[in-house]
Amino acid sequence: MAQHHGVPTRLLDWTTNPLVAAYFAVTAPPKSIKRQLAGRNRLFTPALDAIDCCVVAHRVRKQDMIDASAASDPFAINRIGVLLPRTITSRIATQNGVFTVHPVPNEPWEEPLEVTGQCFTIPGALREFFRQQLFHLGIDPLYLMGGLDGLGARIAWQARENFGLGVLD
């Protein structure tokens, strides 16, 4: 719960729902890129539609699971593993949330994903189209976040994009 309110944790959040994964993929802001231009370091942020995104399906093996009820001290976990959380908030349930636990949170994680046949690439130029289609399927900030934050984010997006209230033309 702390992670969704900006508190740094040892957890990365994932979803078992491909539509939820697609929503977060198409709405994720692009990261800035450091490049050298004319001998000087510059920071560039690519346009959202210039970056393709990928939704990856990854099978979790039984040995990768961490039994939260058996771990009396969560800080004693010394391997990266998958944790099925208790549904303590509606957000976790709605997003079909699962977590990976990382014992060294500042260490980069290079998971050997076998993406052949398990990756669905959404071209950058189609990100907004996919977001609109997901909206028609009921996947939007209000559904995913709930409450006034979700409602506000949905209305702000609809106003910014001049997008209707879910009625197909």
N, C-alpha and C. Protein backbone atom coordinates (compact mmCIF):
# COMPACT_ATOMS: atom_id res chain seq x y z
N MET A 1 0.82 -1.18 0.00
CA MET A 1 0.00 0.00 0.00
C MET A 1 0.88 1.26 0.00
N ALA A 2 1.99 1.19 0.72
CA ALA A 2 2.88 2.35 0.80
C ALA A 2 3.40 2.75 -0.57
N GLN A 3 3.69 1.76 -1.40
CA GLN A 3 4.26 2.02 -2.73
C GLN A 3 3.33 2.89 -3.57
N HIS A 4 2.03 2.66 -3.48
CA HIS A 4 1.07 3.42 -4.27
C HIS A 4 0.89 4.84 -3.76
N HIS A 5 1.53 5.15 -2.64
CA HIS A 5 1.45 6.50 -2.10
C HIS A 5 2.83 7.15 -2.06
N GLY A 6 3.74 6.65 -2.92
CA GLY A 6 5.04 7.29 -3.12
C GLY A 6 6.15 6.88 -2.18
N VAL A 7 5.91 5.91 -1.31
CA VAL A 7 6.95 5.46 -0.38
C VAL A 7 7.83 4.44 -1.09
N PRO A 8 9.17 4.62 -1.08
CA PRO A 8 10.05 3.63 -1.72
C PRO A 8 9.96 2.29 -0.99
N THR A 9 9.90 1.22 -1.76
CA THR A 9 9.83 -0.12 -1.19
C THR A 9 10.77 -1.05 -1.94
N ARG A 10 10.84 -2.30 -1.49
CA ARG A 10 11.64 -3.33 -2.17
C ARG A 10 10.78 -4.10 -3.16
N LEU A 11 9.61 -3.59 -3.49
CA LEU A 11 8.67 -4.29 -4.34
C LEU A 11 8.54 -3.63 -5.71
N LEU A 12 8.39 -4.47 -6.73
CA LEU A 12 7.95 -4.00 -8.05
C LEU A 12 6.56 -4.56 -8.25
N ASP A 13 5.65 -3.73 -8.74
CA ASP A 13 4.31 -4.24 -8.92
C ASP A 13 4.07 -4.67 -10.36
N TRP A 14 3.29 -5.75 -10.48
CA TRP A 14 2.97 -6.38 -11.75
C TRP A 14 1.47 -6.66 -11.76
N THR A 15 0.96 -7.13 -12.85
CA THR A 15 -0.43 -7.52 -12.93
C THR A 15 -0.56 -8.84 -13.69
N THR A 16 -1.61 -9.56 -13.37
CA THR A 16 -1.90 -10.79 -14.11
C THR A 16 -2.93 -10.53 -15.20
N ASN A 17 -3.38 -9.29 -15.34
CA ASN A 17 -4.39 -8.93 -16.32
C ASN A 17 -3.73 -8.22 -17.51
N PRO A 18 -3.77 -8.79 -18.71
CA PRO A 18 -3.10 -8.17 -19.85
C PRO A 18 -3.69 -6.81 -20.24
N LEU A 19 -4.97 -6.57 -19.98
CA LEU A 19 -5.55 -5.26 -20.29
C LEU A 19 -5.01 -4.19 -19.33
N VAL A 20 -4.87 -4.55 -18.08
CA VAL A 20 -4.29 -3.63 -17.10
C VAL A 20 -2.83 -3.35 -17.47
N ALA A 21 -2.09 -4.39 -17.85
CA ALA A 21 -0.70 -4.21 -18.27
C ALA A 21 -0.62 -3.29 -19.48
N ALA A 22 -1.52 -3.48 -20.43
CA ALA A 22 -1.52 -2.63 -21.63
C ALA A 22 -1.80 -1.18 -21.26
N TYR A 23 -2.72 -0.94 -20.32
CA TYR A 23 -3.02 0.43 -19.90
C TYR A 23 -1.77 1.10 -19.34
N PHE A 24 -1.10 0.42 -18.41
CA PHE A 24 0.09 1.02 -17.81
C PHE A 24 1.21 1.17 -18.84
N ALA A 25 1.28 0.28 -19.81
CA ALA A 25 2.30 0.40 -20.86
C ALA A 25 2.06 1.63 -21.73
N VAL A 26 0.82 1.84 -22.15
CA VAL A 26 0.56 2.95 -23.07
C VAL A 26 0.53 4.30 -22.37
N THR A 27 0.35 4.32 -21.06
CA THR A 27 0.29 5.60 -20.34
C THR A 27 1.59 5.95 -19.63
N ALA A 28 2.55 5.04 -19.62
CA ALA A 28 3.82 5.31 -18.93
C ALA A 28 4.56 6.44 -19.64
N PRO A 29 4.98 7.45 -18.89
CA PRO A 29 5.73 8.53 -19.53
C PRO A 29 7.12 8.05 -19.96
N PRO A 30 7.61 8.55 -21.09
CA PRO A 30 8.95 8.14 -21.53
C PRO A 30 10.02 8.66 -20.58
N LYS A 31 11.07 7.88 -20.44
CA LYS A 31 12.18 8.30 -19.58
C LYS A 31 13.11 9.20 -20.37
N SER A 32 13.74 10.11 -19.65
CA SER A 32 14.71 10.99 -20.28
C SER A 32 15.96 10.21 -20.67
N ILE A 33 16.59 10.65 -21.75
CA ILE A 33 17.78 9.99 -22.28
C ILE A 33 18.92 11.00 -22.26
N LYS A 34 20.07 10.59 -21.72
CA LYS A 34 21.25 11.46 -21.75
C LYS A 34 22.01 11.21 -23.04
N ARG A 35 22.30 12.26 -23.76
CA ARG A 35 23.07 12.19 -25.00
C ARG A 35 24.04 13.36 -25.04
N GLN A 36 25.11 13.16 -25.78
CA GLN A 36 26.05 14.24 -25.98
C GLN A 36 25.77 14.87 -27.34
N LEU A 37 25.64 16.17 -27.35
CA LEU A 37 25.36 16.91 -28.58
C LEU A 37 26.29 18.10 -28.62
N ALA A 38 27.04 18.21 -29.69
CA ALA A 38 28.01 19.29 -29.86
C ALA A 38 28.95 19.38 -28.66
N GLY A 39 29.38 18.21 -28.16
CA GLY A 39 30.34 18.18 -27.08
C GLY A 39 29.77 18.45 -25.70
N ARG A 40 28.46 18.62 -25.61
CA ARG A 40 27.84 18.91 -24.31
C ARG A 40 26.81 17.84 -23.98
N ASN A 41 26.72 17.50 -22.70
CA ASN A 41 25.70 16.55 -22.26
C ASN A 41 24.33 17.20 -22.31
N ARG A 42 23.39 16.50 -22.88
CA ARG A 42 22.01 17.00 -22.98
C ARG A 42 21.06 15.93 -22.47
N LEU A 43 19.93 16.36 -22.00
CA LEU A 43 18.89 15.46 -21.53
C LEU A 43 17.69 15.61 -22.45
N PHE A 44 17.31 14.52 -23.11
CA PHE A 44 16.19 14.53 -24.04
C PHE A 44 15.06 13.67 -23.47
N THR A 45 13.85 14.12 -23.67
CA THR A 45 12.67 13.31 -23.34
C THR A 45 11.91 13.10 -24.62
N PRO A 46 11.88 11.87 -25.13
CA PRO A 46 11.18 11.60 -26.39
C PRO A 46 9.68 11.82 -26.25
N ALA A 47 9.04 12.15 -27.34
CA ALA A 47 7.59 12.27 -27.36
C ALA A 47 6.98 10.90 -27.07
N LEU A 48 5.84 10.90 -26.40
CA LEU A 48 5.19 9.65 -26.02
C LEU A 48 4.93 8.76 -27.23
N ASP A 49 4.53 9.36 -28.34
CA ASP A 49 4.20 8.55 -29.52
C ASP A 49 5.43 8.09 -30.29
N ALA A 50 6.62 8.47 -29.82
CA ALA A 50 7.85 8.03 -30.48
C ALA A 50 8.40 6.74 -29.88
N ILE A 51 7.81 6.29 -28.80
CA ILE A 51 8.32 5.13 -28.07
C ILE A 51 7.31 3.99 -28.14
N ASP A 52 7.73 2.85 -28.69
CA ASP A 52 6.88 1.66 -28.68
C ASP A 52 6.85 1.12 -27.25
N CYS A 53 5.80 0.41 -26.93
CA CYS A 53 5.74 -0.24 -25.62
C CYS A 53 5.41 -1.71 -25.81
N CYS A 54 5.71 -2.48 -24.81
CA CYS A 54 5.58 -3.92 -24.92
C CYS A 54 4.88 -4.47 -23.68
N VAL A 55 3.90 -5.32 -23.91
CA VAL A 55 3.23 -6.05 -22.83
C VAL A 55 3.78 -7.46 -22.88
N VAL A 56 4.40 -7.89 -21.79
CA VAL A 56 5.07 -9.19 -21.76
C VAL A 56 4.33 -10.15 -20.84
N ALA A 57 4.12 -11.35 -21.32
CA ALA A 57 3.57 -12.42 -20.49
C ALA A 57 4.75 -13.26 -20.00
N HIS A 58 4.81 -13.49 -18.72
CA HIS A 58 5.92 -14.23 -18.14
C HIS A 58 5.36 -15.28 -17.18
N ARG A 59 5.66 -16.52 -17.44
CA ARG A 59 5.19 -17.61 -16.57
C ARG A 59 6.04 -17.64 -15.31
N VAL A 60 5.36 -17.69 -14.18
CA VAL A 60 6.05 -17.75 -12.90
C VAL A 60 6.12 -19.21 -12.44
N ARG A 61 7.33 -19.63 -12.12
CA ARG A 61 7.53 -21.01 -11.63
C ARG A 61 7.22 -21.08 -10.13
N LYS A 62 6.82 -22.24 -9.70
CA LYS A 62 6.46 -22.43 -8.29
C LYS A 62 7.63 -22.06 -7.37
N GLN A 63 8.85 -22.40 -7.78
CA GLN A 63 10.01 -22.11 -6.93
C GLN A 63 10.31 -20.61 -6.83
N ASP A 64 9.70 -19.80 -7.71
CA ASP A 64 9.89 -18.35 -7.65
C ASP A 64 8.94 -17.67 -6.67
N MET A 65 7.96 -18.41 -6.18
CA MET A 65 6.96 -17.85 -5.28
C MET A 65 7.52 -17.72 -3.86
N ILE A 66 7.11 -16.66 -3.18
CA ILE A 66 7.47 -16.45 -1.78
C ILE A 66 6.19 -16.54 -0.96
N ASP A 67 6.21 -17.37 0.05
CA ASP A 67 5.06 -17.53 0.94
C ASP A 67 5.15 -16.45 2.02
N ALA A 68 4.30 -15.43 1.89
CA ALA A 68 4.35 -14.31 2.82
C ALA A 68 4.01 -14.73 4.24
N SER A 69 3.15 -15.72 4.39
CA SER A 69 2.76 -16.15 5.74
C SER A 69 3.91 -16.88 6.44
N ALA A 70 4.83 -17.46 5.68
CA ALA A 70 5.96 -18.18 6.27
C ALA A 70 7.13 -17.26 6.60
N ALA A 71 7.13 -16.07 6.04
CA ALA A 71 8.23 -15.13 6.26
C ALA A 71 7.89 -14.23 7.45
N SER A 72 8.42 -14.56 8.63
CA SER A 72 8.12 -13.76 9.82
C SER A 72 8.83 -12.41 9.76
N ASP A 73 9.97 -12.36 9.10
CA ASP A 73 10.71 -11.10 8.93
C ASP A 73 10.85 -10.83 7.43
N PRO A 74 10.06 -9.90 6.88
CA PRO A 74 10.14 -9.66 5.44
C PRO A 74 11.51 -9.17 4.98
N PHE A 75 12.29 -8.58 5.88
CA PHE A 75 13.62 -8.09 5.50
C PHE A 75 14.66 -9.20 5.47
N ALA A 76 14.27 -10.41 5.90
CA ALA A 76 15.17 -11.56 5.84
C ALA A 76 15.11 -12.26 4.49
N ILE A 77 14.19 -11.86 3.64
CA ILE A 77 14.09 -12.46 2.30
C ILE A 77 15.32 -12.06 1.51
N ASN A 78 16.10 -13.05 1.05
CA ASN A 78 17.38 -12.75 0.42
C ASN A 78 17.43 -13.14 -1.05
N ARG A 79 16.28 -13.33 -1.67
CA ARG A 79 16.26 -13.66 -3.10
C ARG A 79 15.11 -12.92 -3.75
N ILE A 80 15.22 -12.73 -5.04
CA ILE A 80 14.12 -12.12 -5.78
C ILE A 80 13.05 -13.18 -5.97
N GLY A 81 11.84 -12.83 -5.63
CA GLY A 81 10.74 -13.78 -5.77
C GLY A 81 9.43 -13.06 -5.98
N VAL A 82 8.40 -13.85 -6.28
CA VAL A 82 7.07 -13.31 -6.55
C VAL A 82 6.20 -13.50 -5.32
N LEU A 83 5.52 -12.43 -4.96
CA LEU A 83 4.68 -12.42 -3.78
C LEU A 83 3.24 -12.14 -4.19
N LEU A 84 2.33 -13.02 -3.82
CA LEU A 84 0.91 -12.78 -4.04
C LEU A 84 0.39 -12.06 -2.80
N PRO A 85 0.04 -10.79 -2.93
CA PRO A 85 -0.36 -10.03 -1.74
C PRO A 85 -1.77 -10.39 -1.29
N ARG A 86 -2.00 -10.16 -0.01
CA ARG A 86 -3.37 -10.20 0.47
C ARG A 86 -4.07 -8.97 -0.11
N THR A 87 -5.33 -9.08 -0.36
CA THR A 87 -6.07 -7.96 -0.93
C THR A 87 -6.42 -6.99 0.19
N ILE A 88 -5.47 -6.08 0.48
CA ILE A 88 -5.71 -5.12 1.55
C ILE A 88 -6.31 -3.82 1.04
N THR A 89 -6.26 -3.61 -0.26
CA THR A 89 -6.91 -2.44 -0.85
C THR A 89 -7.65 -2.88 -2.11
N SER A 90 -8.66 -2.11 -2.46
CA SER A 90 -9.41 -2.44 -3.68
C SER A 90 -8.53 -2.28 -4.91
N ARG A 91 -7.54 -1.40 -4.83
CA ARG A 91 -6.65 -1.16 -5.97
C ARG A 91 -5.88 -2.43 -6.34
N ILE A 92 -5.38 -3.15 -5.35
CA ILE A 92 -4.65 -4.40 -5.62
C ILE A 92 -5.57 -5.41 -6.28
N ALA A 93 -6.80 -5.51 -5.78
CA ALA A 93 -7.75 -6.47 -6.35
C ALA A 93 -8.13 -6.08 -7.77
N THR A 94 -8.46 -4.81 -7.98
CA THR A 94 -8.88 -4.34 -9.30
C THR A 94 -7.78 -4.52 -10.34
N GLN A 95 -6.55 -4.25 -9.94
CA GLN A 95 -5.43 -4.34 -10.88
C GLN A 95 -4.87 -5.75 -10.98
N ASN A 96 -5.44 -6.72 -10.29
CA ASN A 96 -4.90 -8.08 -10.25
C ASN A 96 -3.41 -8.05 -9.92
N GLY A 97 -3.09 -7.34 -8.86
CA GLY A 97 -1.70 -7.07 -8.53
C GLY A 97 -0.94 -8.23 -7.93
N VAL A 98 0.30 -8.36 -8.35
CA VAL A 98 1.29 -9.25 -7.74
C VAL A 98 2.57 -8.42 -7.62
N PHE A 99 3.49 -8.88 -6.79
CA PHE A 99 4.73 -8.13 -6.59
C PHE A 99 5.94 -9.03 -6.74
N THR A 100 7.04 -8.44 -7.16
CA THR A 100 8.33 -9.11 -7.01
C THR A 100 9.04 -8.40 -5.86
N VAL A 101 9.67 -9.20 -5.00
CA VAL A 101 10.40 -8.69 -3.85
C VAL A 101 11.87 -8.67 -4.23
N HIS A 102 12.53 -7.55 -3.94
CA HIS A 102 13.95 -7.38 -4.30
C HIS A 102 14.75 -7.09 -3.03
N PRO A 103 15.64 -8.02 -2.64
CA PRO A 103 16.39 -7.84 -1.40
C PRO A 103 17.35 -6.65 -1.44
N VAL A 104 17.86 -6.30 -2.61
CA VAL A 104 18.74 -5.14 -2.76
C VAL A 104 18.02 -4.17 -3.71
N PRO A 105 17.23 -3.24 -3.17
CA PRO A 105 16.36 -2.43 -4.01
C PRO A 105 17.06 -1.52 -5.02
N ASN A 106 18.29 -1.12 -4.74
CA ASN A 106 18.99 -0.22 -5.67
C ASN A 106 19.80 -0.95 -6.73
N GLU A 107 19.79 -2.26 -6.69
CA GLU A 107 20.54 -3.06 -7.67
C GLU A 107 19.66 -3.33 -8.88
N PRO A 108 20.15 -3.03 -10.09
CA PRO A 108 19.34 -3.29 -11.29
C PRO A 108 18.99 -4.77 -11.39
N TRP A 109 17.80 -5.02 -11.87
CA TRP A 109 17.32 -6.39 -12.01
C TRP A 109 17.23 -6.73 -13.48
N GLU A 110 18.00 -7.71 -13.90
CA GLU A 110 17.98 -8.16 -15.28
C GLU A 110 17.35 -9.54 -15.33
N GLU A 111 16.02 -9.57 -15.37
CA GLU A 111 15.31 -10.85 -15.43
C GLU A 111 15.40 -11.39 -16.85
N PRO A 112 15.86 -12.62 -17.01
CA PRO A 112 15.97 -13.19 -18.36
C PRO A 112 14.59 -13.57 -18.91
N LEU A 113 13.88 -12.58 -19.43
CA LEU A 113 12.56 -12.84 -20.00
C LEU A 113 12.71 -13.44 -21.39
N GLU A 114 11.97 -14.48 -21.61
CA GLU A 114 11.92 -15.07 -22.94
C GLU A 114 10.73 -14.44 -23.65
N VAL A 115 10.99 -13.35 -24.38
CA VAL A 115 9.88 -12.59 -24.94
C VAL A 115 9.41 -13.10 -26.28
N THR A 116 10.09 -14.06 -26.86
CA THR A 116 9.67 -14.60 -28.15
C THR A 116 8.28 -15.20 -28.01
N GLY A 117 7.34 -14.64 -28.71
CA GLY A 117 5.97 -15.13 -28.67
C GLY A 117 5.22 -14.75 -27.41
N GLN A 118 5.87 -14.05 -26.48
CA GLN A 118 5.20 -13.66 -25.24
C GLN A 118 5.11 -12.14 -25.09
N CYS A 119 5.46 -11.42 -26.14
CA CYS A 119 5.47 -9.97 -26.07
C CYS A 119 4.51 -9.41 -27.12
N PHE A 120 3.68 -8.50 -26.68
CA PHE A 120 2.76 -7.81 -27.58
C PHE A 120 3.23 -6.37 -27.67
N THR A 121 3.75 -5.97 -28.82
CA THR A 121 4.29 -4.63 -28.99
C THR A 121 3.21 -3.68 -29.49
N ILE A 122 3.11 -2.55 -28.84
CA ILE A 122 2.18 -1.50 -29.25
C ILE A 122 3.02 -0.36 -29.82
N PRO A 123 2.90 -0.09 -31.12
CA PRO A 123 3.68 1.00 -31.71
C PRO A 123 3.36 2.33 -31.04
N GLY A 124 4.39 3.15 -30.88
CA GLY A 124 4.20 4.45 -30.24
C GLY A 124 3.10 5.28 -30.87
N ALA A 125 3.01 5.23 -32.19
CA ALA A 125 1.99 6.03 -32.88
C ALA A 125 0.57 5.56 -32.56
N LEU A 126 0.42 4.35 -32.00
CA LEU A 126 -0.91 3.82 -31.69
C LEU A 126 -1.22 3.82 -30.19
N ARG A 127 -0.37 4.43 -29.39
CA ARG A 127 -0.59 4.43 -27.94
C ARG A 127 -1.94 5.05 -27.57
N GLU A 128 -2.22 6.21 -28.12
CA GLU A 128 -3.47 6.89 -27.77
C GLU A 128 -4.68 6.10 -28.27
N PHE A 129 -4.57 5.51 -29.46
CA PHE A 129 -5.64 4.66 -29.97
C PHE A 129 -5.91 3.50 -29.01
N PHE A 130 -4.84 2.84 -28.53
CA PHE A 130 -5.01 1.74 -27.59
C PHE A 130 -5.62 2.22 -26.28
N ARG A 131 -5.20 3.40 -25.82
CA ARG A 131 -5.78 3.92 -24.57
C ARG A 131 -7.28 4.14 -24.74
N GLN A 132 -7.68 4.66 -25.89
CA GLN A 132 -9.11 4.87 -26.13
C GLN A 132 -9.86 3.54 -26.19
N GLN A 133 -9.26 2.53 -26.82
CA GLN A 133 -9.91 1.22 -26.88
C GLN A 133 -10.03 0.61 -25.49
N LEU A 134 -8.98 0.76 -24.68
CA LEU A 134 -9.04 0.27 -23.31
C LEU A 134 -10.12 1.00 -22.51
N PHE A 135 -10.27 2.29 -22.77
CA PHE A 135 -11.33 3.06 -22.12
C PHE A 135 -12.70 2.47 -22.44
N HIS A 136 -12.91 2.12 -23.71
CA HIS A 136 -14.18 1.52 -24.11
C HIS A 136 -14.40 0.16 -23.46
N LEU A 137 -13.30 -0.51 -23.08
CA LEU A 137 -13.39 -1.80 -22.39
C LEU A 137 -13.49 -1.63 -20.87
N GLY A 138 -13.51 -0.38 -20.41
CA GLY A 138 -13.65 -0.12 -18.98
C GLY A 138 -12.35 -0.03 -18.23
N ILE A 139 -11.22 0.00 -18.93
CA ILE A 139 -9.92 0.10 -18.28
C ILE A 139 -9.48 1.56 -18.35
N ASP A 140 -9.64 2.27 -17.25
CA ASP A 140 -9.30 3.69 -17.18
C ASP A 140 -8.88 4.01 -15.75
N PRO A 141 -8.43 5.25 -15.49
CA PRO A 141 -7.94 5.57 -14.14
C PRO A 141 -8.98 5.37 -13.05
N LEU A 142 -10.25 5.64 -13.34
CA LEU A 142 -11.27 5.45 -12.31
C LEU A 142 -11.39 3.98 -11.92
N TYR A 143 -11.37 3.11 -12.91
CA TYR A 143 -11.44 1.67 -12.63
C TYR A 143 -10.19 1.20 -11.88
N LEU A 144 -9.01 1.65 -12.33
CA LEU A 144 -7.75 1.14 -11.79
C LEU A 144 -7.38 1.73 -10.44
N MET A 145 -7.68 3.02 -10.23
CA MET A 145 -7.28 3.68 -8.99
C MET A 145 -8.44 3.90 -8.04
N GLY A 146 -9.63 4.06 -8.61
CA GLY A 146 -10.81 4.32 -7.78
C GLY A 146 -10.76 5.70 -7.15
N GLY A 147 -11.78 6.01 -6.42
CA GLY A 147 -11.82 7.25 -5.65
C GLY A 147 -11.76 8.50 -6.48
N LEU A 148 -11.58 9.61 -5.79
CA LEU A 148 -11.53 10.91 -6.46
C LEU A 148 -10.28 11.07 -7.31
N ASP A 149 -9.16 10.44 -6.90
CA ASP A 149 -7.94 10.51 -7.72
C ASP A 149 -8.18 9.88 -9.09
N GLY A 150 -8.80 8.71 -9.11
CA GLY A 150 -9.09 8.03 -10.37
C GLY A 150 -10.08 8.80 -11.21
N LEU A 151 -11.13 9.31 -10.57
CA LEU A 151 -12.14 10.10 -11.30
C LEU A 151 -11.51 11.35 -11.89
N GLY A 152 -10.71 12.05 -11.09
CA GLY A 152 -10.05 13.26 -11.57
C GLY A 152 -9.11 12.98 -12.73
N ALA A 153 -8.33 11.90 -12.64
CA ALA A 153 -7.41 11.55 -13.72
C ALA A 153 -8.17 11.21 -14.99
N ARG A 154 -9.29 10.50 -14.85
CA ARG A 154 -10.08 10.14 -16.04
C ARG A 154 -10.67 11.38 -16.69
N ILE A 155 -11.28 12.27 -15.91
CA ILE A 155 -11.88 13.48 -16.46
C ILE A 155 -10.81 14.37 -17.09
N ALA A 156 -9.65 14.49 -16.43
CA ALA A 156 -8.56 15.31 -16.98
C ALA A 156 -8.10 14.77 -18.33
N TRP A 157 -7.95 13.45 -18.44
CA TRP A 157 -7.54 12.84 -19.71
C TRP A 157 -8.60 13.09 -20.78
N GLN A 158 -9.88 12.89 -20.43
CA GLN A 158 -10.95 13.09 -21.40
C GLN A 158 -10.98 14.54 -21.87
N ALA A 159 -10.80 15.48 -20.97
CA ALA A 159 -10.80 16.90 -21.36
C ALA A 159 -9.59 17.24 -22.21
N ARG A 160 -8.41 16.74 -21.81
CA ARG A 160 -7.17 17.02 -22.54
C ARG A 160 -7.22 16.47 -23.96
N GLU A 161 -7.78 15.27 -24.12
CA GLU A 161 -7.83 14.62 -25.43
C GLU A 161 -9.14 14.88 -26.18
N ASN A 162 -10.03 15.67 -25.56
CA ASN A 162 -11.34 15.94 -26.15
C ASN A 162 -12.03 14.63 -26.51
N PHE A 163 -12.02 13.72 -25.55
CA PHE A 163 -12.56 12.38 -25.77
C PHE A 163 -13.85 12.24 -24.99
N GLY A 164 -14.87 11.66 -25.63
CA GLY A 164 -16.20 11.55 -25.05
C GLY A 164 -16.29 10.70 -23.81
N LEU A 165 -17.49 10.46 -23.40
CA LEU A 165 -17.74 9.72 -22.17
C LEU A 165 -17.98 8.24 -22.43
N GLY A 166 -17.30 7.67 -23.40
CA GLY A 166 -17.42 6.25 -23.66
C GLY A 166 -18.43 5.90 -24.73
N VAL A 167 -19.00 6.90 -25.38
CA VAL A 167 -19.99 6.66 -26.44
C VAL A 167 -19.26 6.57 -27.76
N LEU A 168 -19.47 5.48 -28.48
CA LEU A 168 -18.84 5.32 -29.79
C LEU A 168 -19.54 6.18 -30.82
N ASP A 169 -18.78 6.82 -31.67
CA ASP A 169 -19.35 7.63 -32.75
C ASP A 169 -19.86 6.76 -33.86
